[in-house]
Amino acid sequence: MERLRSSPLHANISTALDKHLEVIHVVQSRRKDEIVNASNRQRQGAPRCQDDRDVFALALAIREMSAATRKARTTLWCALQMTLPK
């Protein structure tokens, strides 16, 4: 879109996209932690209640990703509107 406009987009657009990428990495990390901890607990025969912390952390990360996705979609729509010819 910057190329089509021949000028840079507003800084908030880049910020929203960077935040979206950041929360995606957080969700990936939480999911990886959940898988690793679940497999370790299964080998050790530990109680299942410890599993809840990983699930809650993943759920919180997904909630943050959902909000960041909505913001990124909105900012991309705004960037598109600014890019389209009038």
N, C-alpha and C. Protein backbone atom coordinates (compact mmCIF):
# COMPACT_ATOMS: atom_id res chain seq x y z
N MET A 1 0.82 -1.19 0.00
CA MET A 1 0.00 0.00 0.00
C MET A 1 0.87 1.25 0.00
N GLU A 2 2.01 1.17 0.68
CA GLU A 2 2.91 2.33 0.67
C GLU A 2 3.43 2.59 -0.73
N ARG A 3 3.70 1.54 -1.47
CA ARG A 3 4.17 1.72 -2.84
C ARG A 3 3.08 2.33 -3.72
N LEU A 4 1.85 1.88 -3.52
CA LEU A 4 0.75 2.44 -4.31
C LEU A 4 0.53 3.91 -4.01
N ARG A 5 0.70 4.28 -2.75
CA ARG A 5 0.52 5.67 -2.35
C ARG A 5 1.72 6.53 -2.65
N SER A 6 2.85 5.92 -2.80
CA SER A 6 4.13 6.63 -2.96
C SER A 6 4.46 7.49 -1.75
N SER A 7 3.95 7.09 -0.62
CA SER A 7 4.27 7.77 0.64
C SER A 7 4.05 6.78 1.78
N PRO A 8 4.74 6.99 2.89
CA PRO A 8 4.57 6.06 4.02
C PRO A 8 3.19 6.19 4.65
N LEU A 9 2.75 5.09 5.23
CA LEU A 9 1.48 5.08 5.95
C LEU A 9 1.68 5.65 7.35
N HIS A 10 0.60 5.89 8.02
CA HIS A 10 0.65 6.42 9.38
C HIS A 10 1.39 5.45 10.30
N ALA A 11 2.09 5.97 11.28
CA ALA A 11 2.89 5.14 12.19
C ALA A 11 2.03 4.17 12.99
N ASN A 12 0.78 4.52 13.28
CA ASN A 12 -0.10 3.62 14.04
C ASN A 12 -0.38 2.32 13.29
N ILE A 13 -0.34 2.37 11.98
CA ILE A 13 -0.59 1.17 11.19
C ILE A 13 0.56 0.18 11.39
N SER A 14 1.77 0.66 11.32
CA SER A 14 2.94 -0.20 11.57
C SER A 14 2.94 -0.73 12.99
N THR A 15 2.57 0.12 13.92
CA THR A 15 2.53 -0.30 15.33
C THR A 15 1.52 -1.42 15.54
N ALA A 16 0.34 -1.30 14.95
CA ALA A 16 -0.69 -2.33 15.10
C ALA A 16 -0.24 -3.64 14.48
N LEU A 17 0.42 -3.59 13.34
CA LEU A 17 0.89 -4.81 12.69
C LEU A 17 2.04 -5.44 13.48
N ASP A 18 2.91 -4.63 14.04
CA ASP A 18 3.98 -5.16 14.89
C ASP A 18 3.42 -5.83 16.14
N LYS A 19 2.43 -5.21 16.75
CA LYS A 19 1.79 -5.77 17.94
C LYS A 19 1.12 -7.09 17.60
N HIS A 20 0.47 -7.16 16.44
CA HIS A 20 -0.19 -8.39 16.00
C HIS A 20 0.84 -9.52 15.85
N LEU A 21 1.95 -9.23 15.23
CA LEU A 21 3.00 -10.24 15.07
C LEU A 21 3.56 -10.67 16.43
N GLU A 22 3.70 -9.72 17.33
CA GLU A 22 4.21 -10.02 18.66
C GLU A 22 3.28 -10.98 19.41
N VAL A 23 1.99 -10.72 19.38
CA VAL A 23 1.06 -11.59 20.11
C VAL A 23 0.94 -12.95 19.45
N ILE A 24 1.16 -13.04 18.15
CA ILE A 24 1.18 -14.34 17.49
C ILE A 24 2.34 -15.17 18.03
N HIS A 25 3.49 -14.54 18.20
CA HIS A 25 4.65 -15.24 18.76
C HIS A 25 4.39 -15.66 20.21
N VAL A 26 3.68 -14.85 20.96
CA VAL A 26 3.35 -15.20 22.35
C VAL A 26 2.43 -16.43 22.37
N VAL A 27 1.43 -16.46 21.49
CA VAL A 27 0.52 -17.61 21.44
C VAL A 27 1.30 -18.87 21.06
N GLN A 28 2.19 -18.76 20.10
CA GLN A 28 2.99 -19.91 19.71
C GLN A 28 3.84 -20.41 20.88
N SER A 29 4.41 -19.49 21.62
CA SER A 29 5.22 -19.86 22.77
C SER A 29 4.39 -20.54 23.86
N ARG A 30 3.22 -19.97 24.15
CA ARG A 30 2.34 -20.57 25.17
C ARG A 30 1.89 -21.96 24.76
N ARG A 31 1.60 -22.14 23.49
CA ARG A 31 1.16 -23.45 23.00
C ARG A 31 2.30 -24.46 23.11
N LYS A 32 3.50 -24.02 22.77
CA LYS A 32 4.66 -24.90 22.88
C LYS A 32 4.89 -25.29 24.33
N ASP A 33 4.78 -24.32 25.25
CA ASP A 33 4.94 -24.60 26.68
C ASP A 33 3.90 -25.61 27.15
N GLU A 34 2.66 -25.43 26.70
CA GLU A 34 1.59 -26.34 27.09
C GLU A 34 1.89 -27.76 26.63
N ILE A 35 2.34 -27.91 25.41
CA ILE A 35 2.63 -29.25 24.88
C ILE A 35 3.79 -29.89 25.63
N VAL A 36 4.86 -29.14 25.85
CA VAL A 36 6.02 -29.67 26.55
C VAL A 36 5.66 -30.06 27.98
N ASN A 37 4.97 -29.19 28.68
CA ASN A 37 4.61 -29.48 30.08
C ASN A 37 3.64 -30.64 30.17
N ALA A 38 2.71 -30.75 29.23
CA ALA A 38 1.76 -31.87 29.25
C ALA A 38 2.48 -33.19 29.02
N SER A 39 3.43 -33.21 28.11
CA SER A 39 4.15 -34.46 27.86
C SER A 39 5.04 -34.82 29.05
N ASN A 40 5.64 -33.82 29.68
CA ASN A 40 6.46 -34.09 30.88
C ASN A 40 5.61 -34.63 32.02
N ARG A 41 4.45 -34.06 32.22
CA ARG A 41 3.57 -34.52 33.30
C ARG A 41 3.05 -35.92 33.03
N GLN A 42 2.79 -36.22 31.78
CA GLN A 42 2.28 -37.54 31.44
C GLN A 42 3.33 -38.60 31.74
N ARG A 43 4.59 -38.28 31.47
CA ARG A 43 5.67 -39.23 31.77
C ARG A 43 5.84 -39.42 33.28
N GLN A 44 5.65 -38.34 34.04
CA GLN A 44 5.87 -38.41 35.49
C GLN A 44 4.63 -38.86 36.25
N GLY A 45 3.48 -38.85 35.60
CA GLY A 45 2.25 -39.24 36.29
C GLY A 45 1.79 -38.19 37.28
N ALA A 46 2.09 -36.93 37.03
CA ALA A 46 1.71 -35.84 37.94
C ALA A 46 0.21 -35.57 37.84
N PRO A 47 -0.36 -34.95 38.87
CA PRO A 47 -1.80 -34.63 38.83
C PRO A 47 -2.14 -33.67 37.69
N ARG A 48 -3.35 -33.78 37.22
CA ARG A 48 -3.78 -33.03 36.04
C ARG A 48 -4.09 -31.56 36.35
N CYS A 49 -4.30 -31.19 37.58
CA CYS A 49 -4.67 -29.81 37.92
C CYS A 49 -3.58 -28.80 37.56
N GLN A 50 -2.35 -29.23 37.49
CA GLN A 50 -1.26 -28.34 37.09
C GLN A 50 -1.41 -27.91 35.63
N ASP A 51 -2.10 -28.74 34.87
CA ASP A 51 -2.34 -28.46 33.45
C ASP A 51 -3.10 -27.15 33.25
N ASP A 52 -3.94 -26.79 34.22
CA ASP A 52 -4.80 -25.63 34.09
C ASP A 52 -4.02 -24.33 33.91
N ARG A 53 -2.90 -24.20 34.52
CA ARG A 53 -2.11 -22.96 34.41
C ARG A 53 -1.68 -22.73 32.96
N ASP A 54 -1.24 -23.78 32.31
CA ASP A 54 -0.83 -23.66 30.91
C ASP A 54 -2.01 -23.31 30.02
N VAL A 55 -3.14 -23.94 30.29
CA VAL A 55 -4.34 -23.68 29.49
C VAL A 55 -4.82 -22.25 29.70
N PHE A 56 -4.79 -21.77 30.92
CA PHE A 56 -5.22 -20.39 31.20
C PHE A 56 -4.27 -19.38 30.55
N ALA A 57 -2.97 -19.66 30.58
CA ALA A 57 -2.00 -18.76 29.94
C ALA A 57 -2.23 -18.74 28.43
N LEU A 58 -2.51 -19.90 27.86
CA LEU A 58 -2.79 -19.97 26.42
C LEU A 58 -4.10 -19.24 26.10
N ALA A 59 -5.10 -19.41 26.92
CA ALA A 59 -6.39 -18.74 26.68
C ALA A 59 -6.23 -17.22 26.75
N LEU A 60 -5.46 -16.74 27.69
CA LEU A 60 -5.20 -15.30 27.80
C LEU A 60 -4.45 -14.79 26.58
N ALA A 61 -3.47 -15.55 26.12
CA ALA A 61 -2.71 -15.15 24.93
C ALA A 61 -3.61 -15.13 23.69
N ILE A 62 -4.51 -16.09 23.59
CA ILE A 62 -5.43 -16.13 22.45
C ILE A 62 -6.40 -14.94 22.50
N ARG A 63 -6.82 -14.59 23.71
CA ARG A 63 -7.70 -13.42 23.85
C ARG A 63 -7.00 -12.15 23.39
N GLU A 64 -5.73 -12.00 23.78
CA GLU A 64 -4.95 -10.85 23.35
C GLU A 64 -4.74 -10.86 21.84
N MET A 65 -4.53 -12.05 21.29
CA MET A 65 -4.34 -12.15 19.85
C MET A 65 -5.62 -11.78 19.10
N SER A 66 -6.75 -12.16 19.65
CA SER A 66 -8.03 -11.82 19.03
C SER A 66 -8.22 -10.30 18.97
N ALA A 67 -7.91 -9.62 20.06
CA ALA A 67 -8.03 -8.16 20.09
C ALA A 67 -7.04 -7.52 19.12
N ALA A 68 -5.81 -8.02 19.10
CA ALA A 68 -4.80 -7.47 18.19
C ALA A 68 -5.17 -7.72 16.74
N THR A 69 -5.79 -8.86 16.45
CA THR A 69 -6.23 -9.17 15.09
C THR A 69 -7.30 -8.19 14.64
N ARG A 70 -8.25 -7.90 15.52
CA ARG A 70 -9.30 -6.94 15.17
C ARG A 70 -8.69 -5.56 14.89
N LYS A 71 -7.75 -5.15 15.71
CA LYS A 71 -7.10 -3.85 15.49
C LYS A 71 -6.31 -3.84 14.19
N ALA A 72 -5.61 -4.93 13.91
CA ALA A 72 -4.82 -5.00 12.68
C ALA A 72 -5.73 -4.97 11.46
N ARG A 73 -6.85 -5.67 11.52
CA ARG A 73 -7.79 -5.65 10.40
C ARG A 73 -8.35 -4.25 10.18
N THR A 74 -8.66 -3.57 11.26
CA THR A 74 -9.19 -2.22 11.15
C THR A 74 -8.15 -1.26 10.57
N THR A 75 -6.93 -1.37 11.05
CA THR A 75 -5.89 -0.47 10.54
C THR A 75 -5.57 -0.76 9.08
N LEU A 76 -5.61 -2.04 8.69
CA LEU A 76 -5.38 -2.36 7.29
C LEU A 76 -6.51 -1.84 6.41
N TRP A 77 -7.73 -1.89 6.92
CA TRP A 77 -8.86 -1.33 6.18
C TRP A 77 -8.69 0.18 6.00
N CYS A 78 -8.27 0.85 7.06
CA CYS A 78 -8.01 2.29 6.98
C CYS A 78 -6.90 2.58 5.98
N ALA A 79 -5.86 1.78 6.00
CA ALA A 79 -4.75 1.99 5.06
C ALA A 79 -5.23 1.79 3.63
N LEU A 80 -6.08 0.81 3.44
CA LEU A 80 -6.64 0.59 2.10
C LEU A 80 -7.48 1.77 1.66
N GLN A 81 -8.29 2.30 2.54
CA GLN A 81 -9.12 3.44 2.19
C GLN A 81 -8.27 4.66 1.83
N MET A 82 -7.15 4.82 2.54
CA MET A 82 -6.27 5.94 2.22
C MET A 82 -5.53 5.72 0.89
N THR A 83 -5.37 4.44 0.53
CA THR A 83 -4.62 4.11 -0.68
C THR A 83 -5.46 4.22 -1.94
N LEU A 84 -6.74 3.87 -1.81
CA LEU A 84 -7.61 3.88 -2.99
C LEU A 84 -7.73 5.27 -3.58
N PRO A 85 -7.81 5.35 -4.91
CA PRO A 85 -7.99 6.68 -5.51
C PRO A 85 -9.36 7.25 -5.16
N LYS A 86 -9.42 8.55 -5.10
CA LYS A 86 -10.69 9.20 -4.71
C LYS A 86 -11.56 9.48 -5.89
